[in-house]
């Protein structure tokens, strides 16, 4: 060669169709031969400073997931604030009563809350928002009512 650099011929056989397609795509995008594209790819791989491929699906997926996580975190913050405001409004208008300290009433309330959370979790897992049918036909006695 005129510039003093040595050229070595290396013959490589590729069998992975995806790798061949990626090599073809890189050669077309850079308007170079497949051999030059393969040389660039090997140089990138051997230099250990991998630069992002413009068609890097994993990078796009990572960015999309990060954006989704940000928006989900924002949405969860909004929902949390709404729940806190609802609780404030509820407790502001709910008068305190002597029965509030009754252990039976507290136990019944805890049991109801657990059932509500279980039903909510079941709806989330099933992907639906409809109210499920009660598990038993026997109505649970009311813990609060006119006689209490």
Protein backbone atom coordinates (compact mmCIF):
# COMPACT_ATOMS: atom_id res chain seq x y z
CA UNK A 1 0.00 0.00 0.00
CA UNK A 2 1.11 3.56 -0.65
CA UNK A 3 0.40 4.88 2.86
CA UNK A 4 2.50 2.22 4.61
CA UNK A 5 -0.31 0.41 6.39
CA UNK A 6 -0.46 -3.36 6.08
CA UNK A 7 -3.65 -5.13 5.05
CA UNK A 8 -4.51 -8.59 6.32
CA UNK A 9 -7.16 -10.71 4.68
CA UNK A 10 -9.48 -12.57 7.06
CA UNK A 11 -12.26 -14.82 5.85
CA UNK A 12 -15.31 -15.18 8.14
CA UNK A 13 -18.37 -17.39 7.61
CA UNK A 14 -21.60 -16.10 9.12
CA UNK A 15 -24.59 -18.37 9.75
CA UNK A 16 -26.79 -16.19 11.97
CA UNK A 17 -29.37 -14.48 9.73
CA UNK A 18 -29.87 -11.65 12.23
CA UNK A 19 -26.16 -10.92 12.30
CA UNK A 20 -26.03 -10.93 8.51
CA UNK A 21 -29.03 -8.57 8.35
CA UNK A 22 -27.44 -6.23 10.91
CA UNK A 23 -24.19 -6.20 8.95
CA UNK A 24 -26.06 -5.46 5.72
CA UNK A 25 -27.99 -2.66 7.43
CA UNK A 26 -24.82 -1.09 8.82
CA UNK A 27 -23.11 -1.27 5.41
CA UNK A 28 -26.10 0.36 3.68
CA UNK A 29 -26.43 3.12 6.29
CA UNK A 30 -22.73 4.03 6.11
CA UNK A 31 -22.58 3.47 2.33
CA UNK A 32 -19.61 1.11 2.68
CA UNK A 33 -18.91 -2.50 1.74
CA UNK A 34 -19.87 -5.42 3.97
CA UNK A 35 -16.20 -6.07 4.57
CA UNK A 36 -15.64 -2.52 5.84
CA UNK A 37 -18.80 -2.74 7.98
CA UNK A 38 -17.56 -6.01 9.49
CA UNK A 39 -14.19 -4.41 10.21
CA UNK A 40 -15.87 -1.47 11.96
CA UNK A 41 -18.05 -3.82 14.02
CA UNK A 42 -15.01 -5.86 15.08
CA UNK A 43 -13.09 -2.69 15.96
CA UNK A 44 -15.99 -1.48 18.12
CA UNK A 45 -16.22 -4.85 19.83
CA UNK A 46 -12.51 -5.13 20.46
CA UNK A 47 -12.06 -1.55 21.66
CA UNK A 48 -14.52 -2.21 24.51
CA UNK A 49 -16.01 1.24 24.07
CA UNK A 50 -19.23 0.16 22.49
CA UNK A 51 -21.18 2.97 20.95
CA UNK A 52 -24.92 2.68 20.67
CA UNK A 53 -26.14 1.34 17.38
CA UNK A 54 -28.90 3.59 15.97
CA UNK A 55 -31.11 0.50 15.65
CA UNK A 56 -30.26 -0.80 19.13
CA UNK A 57 -33.59 -2.24 20.25
CA UNK A 58 -32.41 -2.88 23.77
CA UNK A 59 -31.45 0.77 24.18
CA UNK A 60 -34.85 1.89 22.85
CA UNK A 61 -36.58 -0.57 25.17
CA UNK A 62 -34.54 0.67 28.13
CA UNK A 63 -35.45 4.29 27.37
CA UNK A 64 -39.13 3.43 26.93
CA UNK A 65 -39.13 1.52 30.22
CA UNK A 66 -37.44 4.43 32.01
CA UNK A 67 -40.03 6.86 30.61
CA UNK A 68 -42.83 4.51 31.64
CA UNK A 69 -41.39 4.22 35.16
CA UNK A 70 -41.24 8.01 35.46
CA UNK A 71 -44.84 8.47 34.34
CA UNK A 72 -46.04 5.61 36.55
CA UNK A 73 -44.26 7.08 39.57
CA UNK A 74 -45.86 10.45 38.83
CA UNK A 75 -49.29 8.82 38.50
CA UNK A 76 -48.83 6.91 41.76
CA UNK A 77 -47.90 10.15 43.52
CA UNK A 78 -51.07 11.78 42.23
CA UNK A 79 -53.18 8.81 43.34
CA UNK A 80 -51.56 8.84 46.77
CA UNK A 81 -52.32 12.55 47.20
CA UNK A 82 -55.94 11.95 46.15
CA UNK A 83 -56.31 9.14 48.69
CA UNK A 84 -54.85 11.30 51.46
CA UNK A 85 -57.22 14.15 50.58
CA UNK A 86 -60.16 11.73 50.56
CA UNK A 87 -59.15 10.40 53.98
CA UNK A 88 -58.84 13.95 55.34
CA UNK A 89 -62.30 14.87 54.08
CA UNK A 90 -63.76 11.62 55.42
CA UNK A 91 -62.28 11.94 58.90
CA UNK A 92 -63.10 15.64 59.07
CA UNK A 93 -66.79 14.86 58.70
CA UNK A 94 -66.86 11.61 60.68
CA UNK A 95 -67.58 12.28 64.36
CA UNK A 96 -65.64 10.39 67.00
CA UNK A 97 -67.72 7.94 69.03
CA UNK A 98 -67.16 5.88 72.17
CA UNK A 99 -67.67 2.69 70.16
CA UNK A 100 -64.54 3.48 68.15
CA UNK A 101 -62.42 2.04 70.98
CA UNK A 102 -64.40 -1.23 71.20
CA UNK A 103 -62.07 -4.15 70.32
CA UNK A 104 -64.90 -6.09 68.60
CA UNK A 105 -65.69 -3.13 66.36
CA UNK A 106 -62.00 -2.66 65.59
CA UNK A 107 -61.59 -6.36 64.76
CA UNK A 108 -64.61 -6.26 62.45
CA UNK A 109 -63.22 -3.17 60.74
CA UNK A 110 -59.83 -4.82 60.26
CA UNK A 111 -61.50 -7.94 58.81
CA UNK A 112 -63.50 -5.80 56.36
CA UNK A 113 -60.40 -3.88 55.31
CA UNK A 114 -58.53 -7.16 54.70
CA UNK A 115 -61.42 -8.47 52.57
CA UNK A 116 -61.51 -5.22 50.62
CA UNK A 117 -57.74 -5.39 49.98
CA UNK A 118 -57.98 -9.06 48.93
CA UNK A 119 -60.82 -8.27 46.53
CA UNK A 120 -58.88 -5.34 45.10
CA UNK A 121 -55.77 -7.48 44.61
CA UNK A 122 -57.87 -10.16 42.89
CA UNK A 123 -59.34 -7.56 40.52
CA UNK A 124 -55.88 -6.17 39.73
CA UNK A 125 -54.50 -9.65 39.03
CA UNK A 126 -57.46 -10.60 36.83
CA UNK A 127 -57.14 -7.34 34.92
CA UNK A 128 -60.77 -6.43 35.41
CA UNK A 129 -62.54 -3.65 37.21
CA UNK A 130 -65.88 -5.34 37.80
CA UNK A 131 -66.93 -6.15 41.34
CA UNK A 132 -66.56 -9.89 42.01
CA UNK A 133 -69.45 -11.92 43.37
CA UNK A 134 -69.32 -12.65 47.12
CA UNK A 135 -67.63 -15.94 47.94
CA UNK A 136 -70.54 -17.18 50.06
CA UNK A 137 -74.28 -16.68 50.06
CA UNK A 138 -74.33 -16.22 53.83
CA UNK A 139 -74.40 -12.54 54.67
CA UNK A 140 -71.97 -11.47 57.32
CA UNK A 141 -73.62 -9.78 60.30
CA UNK A 142 -73.19 -6.04 60.29
CA UNK A 143 -70.81 -4.72 62.93
CA UNK A 144 -72.37 -1.28 62.79
CA UNK A 145 -76.05 -0.71 62.80
CA UNK A 146 -79.03 0.72 64.57
CA UNK A 147 -78.83 -1.80 67.45
CA UNK A 148 -75.18 -1.10 68.24
